[in-house]
Amino acid sequence: MTADLDVIVIGAGVVGLSCAIAAKERGLSVAVLDREGPAAGASAGNAGAFAFTDILPLASPGILKKAPKWLLDPLGPLTVPPAYALKIAPWMFRFWRACSAARVAHSTAAQTALMDLSKAELEPFLARTGTLAMLRKEGNLQVYESKAELDASLPGWAARQAHGIEFRHLDAAGMAEIQPGLAPRFTHGTFTPGWYSIADPRLYTLALADHLRAHGVLVERVEVEALRPLESGVEVIGAHGGVRRAAKVVLAAGAFSHRIARTIGEAIPLETERGYNTTLPPGAFDLRTQITFGGHGFVVTRLSTGIRVGGAVELGGLGLKPNFRRSEAMLKKAQAFLPGLRPEGGVQWMGFRPSLPDSLPAIGQARATQRVIHAFGHGHLGLTQSAGTARIVADLLTDHKPAIDIASFSPQRF
């Protein structure tokens, strides 16, 4: 690490490792630094979905209607711990502004472009990294507790239809054909066959790290404290001493990225959606597709390592202790919604999703220097958009025009 490199990637989650692989494939010398090592954060505990149909931003008029009711329930789909409410107020104001119809339309178009690129890049990327066998194409079933709830979702499905996304609405009998065992309270559903998943997100991310090591890339555990732009490169300063130097740096440190960006004068309003889940043993339920309980803010996913019950949004930052009562509340609901589910032997988890107010990631060059490229803030969609983000970052690193227009993802848009 004493020698200069073409690129240092900060972050060994799925986005950072994917960017490192794409850079290496362009012939660049690369190293990866991470404060905890590969797959230590949200890349380990997510729902494992490539949610290419999930083009609608979290910031939307619909969420504004639901938010007041949800916020009254401390264990519900969306909560802000009282100890964090004042600190997050500026972010919430930006979120509110992003919910206007014009901004939602803009964000949806941008999100769709990144989704289309990511889907096109995914399978070739998996094939090149030897991970294609981990891909599953089992779809997603969104369930509703009434015809009125389905009807309320129709504008969102119309927006997806306008962008060419395939789906079909189902009654209870149609849902039972796809996924037996749902409680009778769920009377309607929508199935999206284009929803892919990975066998296990942690094992996939670790496989990407192994692929890099096999190609001579150092993946090192280092906590990065600051960046220092130079005329001919960038210095990466470790929190416990040591300085690395590279011609360019990719900042993909997830929920911690804004702290590092701040050291080069970049103020990016990144917040942390704290996600919770419980992973049950593989035989806990005969799950045939991912199920989204949208009205309750969580999903149930079949992984190679178990059945994962998780989701929800707790806007609580990086410092508060986990509230695993949220995991317990979702598991209790899952038992009621899937009566055959066996809840024994579960492992709880909490992780940090990096989220920006308009639901779009920050992808692009830093204001202080074009030698630093930001690639973070994907919220729930880091795994989904990892291959597309990697393609864009590789284009920027090699001075090529990005595959899509990235103006909407500018880190300086706030």
Protein backbone atom coordinates (compact mmCIF):
# COMPACT_ATOMS: atom_id res chain seq x y z
CA MET A 1 0.00 0.00 0.00
CA THR A 2 3.02 2.32 0.01
CA ALA A 3 2.96 2.46 -3.79
CA ASP A 4 0.57 4.73 -5.61
CA LEU A 5 -2.56 3.12 -7.04
CA ASP A 6 -4.97 4.13 -9.76
CA VAL A 7 -7.98 3.80 -7.47
CA ILE A 8 -8.79 3.35 -3.81
CA VAL A 9 -12.37 2.33 -3.11
CA ILE A 10 -13.59 3.22 0.38
CA GLY A 11 -16.27 0.73 1.36
CA ALA A 12 -16.47 -3.07 1.09
CA GLY A 13 -20.22 -3.39 0.85
CA VAL A 14 -21.91 -4.58 -2.31
CA VAL A 15 -21.67 -1.17 -4.02
CA GLY A 16 -18.02 -0.56 -3.17
CA LEU A 17 -16.89 -4.06 -4.14
CA SER A 18 -18.86 -3.91 -7.38
CA CYS A 19 -17.19 -0.58 -8.22
CA ALA A 20 -13.79 -2.06 -7.43
CA ILE A 21 -14.45 -5.01 -9.74
CA ALA A 22 -15.59 -2.73 -12.56
CA ALA A 23 -12.49 -0.56 -12.13
CA LYS A 24 -10.21 -3.60 -12.16
CA GLU A 25 -11.88 -4.82 -15.34
CA ARG A 26 -10.97 -1.50 -16.97
CA GLY A 27 -7.31 -2.27 -16.30
CA LEU A 28 -6.86 -0.03 -13.25
CA SER A 29 -4.88 -0.94 -10.16
CA VAL A 30 -7.27 -1.00 -7.20
CA ALA A 31 -7.38 -1.42 -3.42
CA VAL A 32 -10.44 -1.53 -1.15
CA LEU A 33 -10.53 -0.13 2.39
CA ASP A 34 -13.36 -0.68 4.87
CA ARG A 35 -13.76 0.08 8.56
CA GLU A 36 -15.06 -3.42 9.35
CA GLY A 37 -14.28 -5.53 6.31
CA PRO A 38 -16.47 -6.97 3.54
CA ALA A 39 -20.22 -7.45 4.05
CA ALA A 40 -20.22 -5.99 7.56
CA GLY A 41 -23.11 -3.57 7.10
CA ALA A 42 -26.39 -3.42 5.20
CA SER A 43 -24.96 -5.66 2.48
CA ALA A 44 -25.11 -8.58 4.93
CA GLY A 45 -28.58 -8.21 6.36
CA ASN A 46 -30.75 -6.89 3.55
CA ALA A 47 -33.70 -8.73 2.04
CA GLY A 48 -31.61 -10.05 -0.85
CA ALA A 49 -33.80 -8.54 -3.59
CA PHE A 50 -32.90 -7.05 -6.96
CA ALA A 51 -35.99 -4.85 -6.85
CA PHE A 52 -35.85 -3.53 -10.42
CA THR A 53 -39.58 -2.81 -10.38
CA ASP A 54 -39.27 -0.60 -7.29
CA ILE A 55 -38.98 2.66 -9.23
CA LEU A 56 -41.19 4.82 -7.01
CA PRO A 57 -39.31 6.96 -4.48
CA LEU A 58 -39.94 6.60 -0.77
CA ALA A 59 -40.45 10.38 -0.78
CA SER A 60 -43.95 10.61 -2.26
CA PRO A 61 -47.44 11.97 -1.53
CA GLY A 62 -48.52 8.45 -0.58
CA ILE A 63 -45.98 8.18 2.21
CA LEU A 64 -47.05 11.59 3.53
CA LYS A 65 -50.58 10.24 3.93
CA LYS A 66 -49.41 7.15 5.80
CA ALA A 67 -46.64 8.72 7.85
CA PRO A 68 -48.71 10.36 10.63
CA LYS A 69 -50.41 7.06 11.51
CA TRP A 70 -47.15 5.11 11.28
CA LEU A 71 -45.20 7.59 13.38
CA LEU A 72 -47.67 7.16 16.26
CA ASP A 73 -46.61 3.50 16.53
CA PRO A 74 -43.04 3.23 17.94
CA LEU A 75 -42.81 -0.31 16.53
CA GLY A 76 -44.52 0.47 13.22
CA PRO A 77 -43.23 0.71 9.63
CA LEU A 78 -41.81 4.24 10.07
CA THR A 79 -40.55 5.78 13.28
CA VAL A 80 -38.26 8.52 14.54
CA PRO A 81 -36.94 7.93 18.07
CA PRO A 82 -37.62 11.03 20.23
CA ALA A 83 -33.91 11.29 21.06
CA TYR A 84 -33.17 11.83 17.35
CA ALA A 85 -36.16 13.91 16.25
CA LEU A 86 -34.52 17.35 16.50
CA LYS A 87 -31.36 16.26 14.74
CA ILE A 88 -33.20 14.79 11.78
CA ALA A 89 -35.59 17.73 11.33
CA PRO A 90 -33.61 19.38 8.45
CA TRP A 91 -33.51 16.06 6.59
CA MET A 92 -37.24 15.56 7.12
CA PHE A 93 -37.90 19.01 5.68
CA ARG A 94 -35.96 18.09 2.54
CA PHE A 95 -37.86 14.79 2.42
CA TRP A 96 -41.16 16.67 2.61
CA ARG A 97 -40.12 18.97 -0.25
CA ALA A 98 -39.18 15.92 -2.35
CA CYS A 99 -42.76 14.62 -2.03
CA SER A 100 -44.22 17.14 -4.50
CA ALA A 101 -45.74 15.67 -7.66
CA ALA A 102 -43.13 17.28 -9.93
CA ARG A 103 -40.20 16.03 -7.88
CA VAL A 104 -41.66 12.54 -7.58
CA ALA A 105 -42.04 12.39 -11.38
CA HIS A 106 -38.43 13.51 -11.79
CA SER A 107 -37.12 11.01 -9.23
CA THR A 108 -39.15 8.19 -10.78
CA ALA A 109 -37.70 8.85 -14.23
CA ALA A 110 -34.15 8.97 -12.85
CA GLN A 111 -34.69 5.87 -10.75
CA THR A 112 -36.08 4.01 -13.74
CA ALA A 113 -33.02 4.82 -15.85
CA LEU A 114 -30.69 3.53 -13.13
CA MET A 115 -32.86 0.43 -12.65
CA ASP A 116 -32.83 -0.36 -16.37
CA LEU A 117 -29.05 0.00 -16.51
CA SER A 118 -28.59 -2.08 -13.37
CA LYS A 119 -30.79 -4.87 -14.68
CA ALA A 120 -28.95 -4.91 -18.02
CA GLU A 121 -25.57 -5.02 -16.26
CA LEU A 122 -26.49 -7.59 -13.60
CA GLU A 123 -26.29 -10.98 -15.26
CA PRO A 124 -23.11 -10.25 -17.25
CA PHE A 125 -21.56 -8.97 -13.99
CA LEU A 126 -22.60 -12.12 -12.11
CA ALA A 127 -21.23 -14.28 -14.90
CA ARG A 128 -17.85 -12.51 -14.87
CA THR A 129 -17.57 -12.82 -11.09
CA GLY A 130 -18.61 -16.47 -10.94
CA THR A 131 -21.76 -15.72 -8.93
CA LEU A 132 -24.49 -16.28 -11.54
CA ALA A 133 -25.64 -19.49 -9.83
CA MET A 134 -26.70 -17.38 -6.82
CA LEU A 135 -29.33 -15.50 -8.84
CA ARG A 136 -33.00 -16.41 -8.35
CA LYS A 137 -35.98 -15.30 -10.42
CA GLU A 138 -38.93 -16.00 -8.13
CA GLY A 139 -40.81 -12.70 -8.33
CA ASN A 140 -42.51 -10.68 -5.61
CA LEU A 141 -46.04 -10.81 -4.27
CA GLN A 142 -47.40 -7.57 -2.81
CA VAL A 143 -50.45 -8.37 -0.67
CA TYR A 144 -53.43 -6.26 0.38
CA GLU A 145 -56.06 -6.64 3.06
CA SER A 146 -58.96 -5.21 1.03
CA LYS A 147 -60.03 -4.13 -2.43
CA ALA A 148 -59.78 -0.54 -1.19
CA GLU A 149 -56.11 -1.05 -0.29
CA LEU A 150 -55.41 -2.47 -3.74
CA ASP A 151 -57.28 0.43 -5.37
CA ALA A 152 -55.17 2.91 -3.40
CA SER A 153 -52.02 1.34 -4.89
CA LEU A 154 -53.20 1.55 -8.51
CA PRO A 155 -51.58 4.93 -9.34
CA GLY A 156 -48.23 3.44 -8.42
CA TRP A 157 -48.84 0.43 -10.63
CA ALA A 158 -49.91 2.73 -13.46
CA ALA A 159 -46.56 4.53 -13.15
CA ARG A 160 -44.77 1.19 -13.35
CA GLN A 161 -46.85 0.15 -16.36
CA ALA A 162 -45.90 3.38 -18.10
CA HIS A 163 -42.27 2.35 -17.71
CA GLY A 164 -42.86 -1.12 -19.13
CA ILE A 165 -42.84 -3.09 -15.87
CA GLU A 166 -44.79 -6.35 -15.98
CA PHE A 167 -47.24 -7.24 -13.19
CA ARG A 168 -50.64 -8.79 -12.66
CA HIS A 169 -53.31 -8.20 -10.02
CA LEU A 170 -54.69 -11.27 -8.25
CA ASP A 171 -57.58 -12.33 -6.06
CA ALA A 172 -57.14 -14.66 -3.08
CA ALA A 173 -57.28 -17.79 -5.27
CA GLY A 174 -54.66 -16.40 -7.64
CA MET A 175 -52.37 -15.58 -4.73
CA ALA A 176 -52.75 -19.08 -3.31
CA GLU A 177 -51.51 -20.57 -6.58
CA ILE A 178 -48.29 -18.57 -6.30
CA GLN A 179 -47.90 -18.67 -2.52
CA PRO A 180 -50.01 -21.04 -0.42
CA GLY A 181 -50.41 -20.38 3.29
CA LEU A 182 -51.39 -16.71 3.41
CA ALA A 183 -53.87 -15.69 6.10
CA PRO A 184 -57.40 -15.09 4.72
CA ARG A 185 -57.20 -11.43 5.76
CA PHE A 186 -55.23 -10.85 2.54
CA THR A 187 -57.83 -10.67 -0.19
CA HIS A 188 -55.88 -9.19 -3.11
CA GLY A 189 -52.34 -9.05 -4.37
CA THR A 190 -50.04 -7.98 -7.19
CA PHE A 191 -47.32 -10.25 -8.57
CA THR A 192 -44.23 -8.83 -10.30
CA PRO A 193 -42.26 -11.62 -12.04
CA GLY A 194 -39.34 -9.30 -12.86
CA TRP A 195 -38.30 -9.11 -9.20
CA TYR A 196 -35.06 -11.09 -8.77
CA SER A 197 -33.20 -12.08 -5.62
CA ILE A 198 -29.82 -13.42 -4.53
CA ALA A 199 -29.36 -16.67 -2.61
CA ASP A 200 -27.84 -14.82 0.34
CA PRO A 201 -26.67 -11.18 0.24
CA ARG A 202 -23.84 -11.69 2.74
CA LEU A 203 -22.43 -14.71 0.91
CA TYR A 204 -22.75 -12.87 -2.39
CA THR A 205 -20.86 -9.83 -1.09
CA LEU A 206 -18.14 -12.05 0.40
CA ALA A 207 -17.86 -13.82 -2.96
CA LEU A 208 -17.23 -10.45 -4.64
CA ALA A 209 -14.44 -9.76 -2.14
CA ASP A 210 -12.94 -13.19 -2.85
CA HIS A 211 -13.11 -12.48 -6.58
CA LEU A 212 -11.14 -9.27 -6.09
CA ARG A 213 -8.51 -10.98 -3.97
CA ALA A 214 -8.15 -13.72 -6.59
CA HIS A 215 -7.33 -10.97 -9.09
CA GLY A 216 -4.67 -9.38 -6.92
CA VAL A 217 -6.74 -6.64 -5.27
CA LEU A 218 -6.04 -5.92 -1.61
CA VAL A 219 -9.17 -5.71 0.54
CA GLU A 220 -8.02 -4.25 3.83
CA ARG A 221 -9.69 -3.35 7.11
CA VAL A 222 -8.94 0.34 7.61
CA GLU A 223 -11.16 3.05 9.07
CA VAL A 224 -10.82 6.10 6.85
CA GLU A 225 -10.97 9.43 8.66
CA ALA A 226 -10.38 11.97 5.92
CA LEU A 227 -9.46 12.69 2.32
CA ARG A 228 -6.90 15.24 1.16
CA PRO A 229 -6.92 16.23 -2.52
CA LEU A 230 -3.52 16.68 -4.15
CA GLU A 231 -2.58 18.06 -7.52
CA SER A 232 -1.82 14.58 -8.83
CA GLY A 233 -4.05 12.41 -6.67
CA VAL A 234 -5.84 11.97 -3.35
CA GLU A 235 -4.48 11.07 0.06
CA VAL A 236 -6.62 8.73 2.15
CA ILE A 237 -5.94 9.27 5.85
CA GLY A 238 -6.64 6.47 8.31
CA ALA A 239 -8.31 7.10 11.66
CA HIS A 240 -5.48 5.28 13.45
CA GLY A 241 -2.59 6.57 11.42
CA GLY A 242 -1.28 5.76 7.99
CA VAL A 243 -1.79 7.53 4.69
CA ARG A 244 -2.54 5.89 1.34
CA ARG A 245 -2.40 7.65 -1.98
CA ALA A 246 -4.20 6.98 -5.26
CA ALA A 247 -4.83 8.86 -8.47
CA LYS A 248 -8.57 8.66 -7.74
CA VAL A 249 -10.85 7.63 -4.88
CA VAL A 250 -14.34 6.13 -4.94
CA LEU A 251 -16.31 6.92 -1.79
CA ALA A 252 -18.80 4.09 -1.27
CA ALA A 253 -18.84 3.78 2.52
CA GLY A 254 -22.62 3.54 2.89
CA ALA A 255 -24.09 5.28 5.90
CA PHE A 256 -20.68 6.62 6.94
CA SER A 257 -19.90 8.27 3.59
CA HIS A 258 -21.07 11.77 4.45
CA ARG A 259 -18.61 11.99 7.35
CA ILE A 260 -15.71 11.35 4.99
CA ALA A 261 -17.14 13.64 2.29
CA ARG A 262 -17.30 16.43 4.85
CA THR A 263 -13.49 16.44 5.10
CA ILE A 264 -13.27 17.78 1.53
CA GLY A 265 -15.99 20.37 2.08
CA GLU A 266 -18.92 18.34 0.77
CA ALA A 267 -22.13 18.71 2.82
CA ILE A 268 -24.42 15.89 1.73
CA PRO A 269 -27.64 15.31 3.74
CA LEU A 270 -27.24 11.58 4.25
CA GLU A 271 -29.33 9.94 6.96
CA THR A 272 -29.58 6.44 8.31
CA GLU A 273 -32.59 4.20 7.87
CA ARG A 274 -32.02 1.61 10.54
CA GLY A 275 -33.39 -1.68 9.21
CA TYR A 276 -34.28 -4.66 11.39
CA ASN A 277 -34.88 -8.32 10.66
CA THR A 278 -35.00 -11.85 12.01
CA THR A 279 -33.60 -14.73 9.99
CA LEU A 280 -35.28 -18.05 10.75
CA PRO A 281 -33.96 -21.52 9.84
CA PRO A 282 -34.49 -22.62 6.21
CA GLY A 283 -37.46 -24.88 7.00
CA ALA A 284 -39.45 -22.24 8.87
CA PHE A 285 -41.97 -21.83 6.05
CA ASP A 286 -42.61 -23.09 2.52
CA LEU A 287 -41.87 -19.74 0.90
CA ARG A 288 -42.02 -19.68 -2.91
CA THR A 289 -41.70 -15.97 -3.68
CA GLN A 290 -40.78 -12.88 -1.77
CA ILE A 291 -43.85 -11.46 -0.02
CA THR A 292 -44.22 -7.73 0.62
CA PHE A 293 -46.63 -6.67 3.35
CA GLY A 294 -46.65 -3.06 2.17
CA GLY A 295 -49.26 -1.85 4.63
CA HIS A 296 -47.03 -3.04 7.45
CA GLY A 297 -43.66 -2.09 5.99
CA PHE A 298 -41.86 -5.42 5.87
CA VAL A 299 -41.05 -8.38 3.61
CA VAL A 300 -40.51 -12.11 4.01
CA THR A 301 -37.73 -13.54 1.84
CA ARG A 302 -36.43 -17.05 1.17
CA LEU A 303 -32.63 -17.21 1.32
CA SER A 304 -30.34 -20.20 0.99
CA THR A 305 -29.52 -19.68 4.66
CA GLY A 306 -33.05 -19.20 6.01
CA ILE A 307 -36.30 -17.24 5.95
CA ARG A 308 -35.74 -13.52 6.56
CA VAL A 309 -38.48 -11.36 8.06
CA GLY A 310 -37.54 -7.70 8.03
CA GLY A 311 -37.81 -4.15 6.79
CA ALA A 312 -39.39 -1.02 8.22
CA VAL A 313 -37.69 2.36 8.63
CA GLU A 314 -36.29 3.77 11.85
CA LEU A 315 -34.73 7.16 11.23
CA GLY A 316 -32.38 7.02 14.19
CA GLY A 317 -28.85 7.79 13.01
CA LEU A 318 -25.67 5.86 13.72
CA GLY A 319 -25.32 6.24 17.48
CA LEU A 320 -28.50 5.02 19.18
CA LYS A 321 -28.67 1.47 20.54
CA PRO A 322 -30.69 -1.04 18.47
CA ASN A 323 -34.33 -1.50 19.45
CA PHE A 324 -34.84 -5.17 18.71
CA ARG A 325 -38.45 -4.94 19.79
CA ARG A 326 -38.92 -3.82 16.19
CA SER A 327 -37.63 -7.19 14.94
CA GLU A 328 -39.92 -8.95 17.40
CA ALA A 329 -42.94 -6.92 16.28
CA MET A 330 -42.39 -7.83 12.62
CA LEU A 331 -41.90 -11.50 13.45
CA LYS A 332 -45.11 -11.52 15.49
CA LYS A 333 -47.01 -10.03 12.55
CA ALA A 334 -45.43 -12.54 10.16
CA GLN A 335 -46.74 -15.37 12.36
CA ALA A 336 -50.25 -13.96 12.07
CA PHE A 337 -49.97 -13.32 8.33
CA LEU A 338 -48.38 -16.73 7.55
CA PRO A 339 -50.03 -19.10 10.05
CA GLY A 340 -47.69 -21.98 9.21
CA LEU A 341 -44.55 -19.97 9.98
CA ARG A 342 -42.36 -21.49 12.71
CA PRO A 343 -40.75 -18.64 14.67
CA GLU A 344 -38.15 -20.63 16.64
CA GLY A 345 -34.40 -20.33 16.21
CA GLY A 346 -34.30 -16.84 14.68
CA VAL A 347 -31.27 -14.53 14.62
CA GLN A 348 -31.93 -10.80 14.96
CA TRP A 349 -30.04 -8.08 13.06
CA MET A 350 -29.97 -4.32 12.70
CA GLY A 351 -28.15 -2.42 9.99
CA PHE A 352 -27.72 1.07 8.54
CA ARG A 353 -29.21 1.94 5.16
CA PRO A 354 -27.73 5.17 3.71
CA SER A 355 -30.62 7.37 2.62
CA LEU A 356 -30.92 10.74 0.89
CA PRO A 357 -34.10 12.83 1.11
CA ASP A 358 -35.23 12.35 -2.51
CA SER A 359 -34.60 8.57 -2.51
CA LEU A 360 -31.89 8.86 -5.19
CA PRO A 361 -28.24 7.97 -4.56
CA ALA A 362 -25.31 10.35 -4.88
CA ILE A 363 -23.26 9.27 -7.88
CA GLY A 364 -20.74 11.65 -9.38
CA GLN A 365 -17.62 13.68 -8.84
CA ALA A 366 -16.98 15.72 -5.71
CA ARG A 367 -17.11 19.49 -5.83
CA ALA A 368 -13.58 19.89 -4.44
CA THR A 369 -11.90 17.56 -6.91
CA GLN A 370 -12.90 15.40 -9.86
CA ARG A 371 -10.53 12.79 -8.49
CA VAL A 372 -13.09 11.79 -5.81
CA ILE A 373 -16.19 10.01 -7.06
CA HIS A 374 -19.18 9.54 -4.76
CA ALA A 375 -21.23 6.33 -4.95
CA PHE A 376 -23.51 6.08 -1.92
CA GLY A 377 -26.98 6.82 -0.57
CA HIS A 378 -28.89 4.01 -2.27
CA GLY A 379 -31.25 3.47 0.67
CA HIS A 380 -33.08 0.15 0.24
CA LEU A 381 -31.64 -0.34 -3.25
CA GLY A 382 -27.89 -0.81 -2.82
CA LEU A 383 -27.88 -4.45 -3.93
CA THR A 384 -30.40 -3.71 -6.70
CA GLN A 385 -28.40 -0.83 -8.17
CA SER A 386 -24.89 -2.12 -7.46
CA ALA A 387 -24.03 -3.34 -10.97
CA GLY A 388 -25.41 -0.20 -12.62
CA THR A 389 -23.60 2.07 -10.19
CA ALA A 390 -20.39 0.15 -10.83
CA ARG A 391 -20.74 0.70 -14.58
CA ILE A 392 -21.23 4.45 -14.09
CA VAL A 393 -18.28 4.72 -11.69
CA ALA A 394 -16.01 2.79 -14.05
CA ASP A 395 -16.99 5.17 -16.85
CA LEU A 396 -16.16 8.19 -14.68
CA LEU A 397 -12.84 6.69 -13.58
CA THR A 398 -11.78 6.17 -17.19
CA ASP A 399 -13.11 9.49 -18.51
CA HIS A 400 -15.90 7.94 -20.55
CA LYS A 401 -19.38 9.35 -20.88
CA PRO A 402 -21.59 7.50 -18.38
CA ALA A 403 -24.02 4.97 -19.77
CA ILE A 404 -26.98 7.10 -18.57
CA ASP A 405 -27.52 10.75 -17.74
CA ILE A 406 -26.38 11.11 -14.11
CA ALA A 407 -27.34 14.76 -13.54
CA SER A 408 -30.22 13.70 -11.24
CA PHE A 409 -27.76 11.84 -9.01
CA SER A 410 -25.36 14.75 -8.60
CA PRO A 411 -23.94 14.91 -5.07
CA GLN A 412 -24.27 18.71 -5.29
CA ARG A 413 -28.04 18.74 -5.99
CA PHE A 414 -29.07 19.62 -2.45
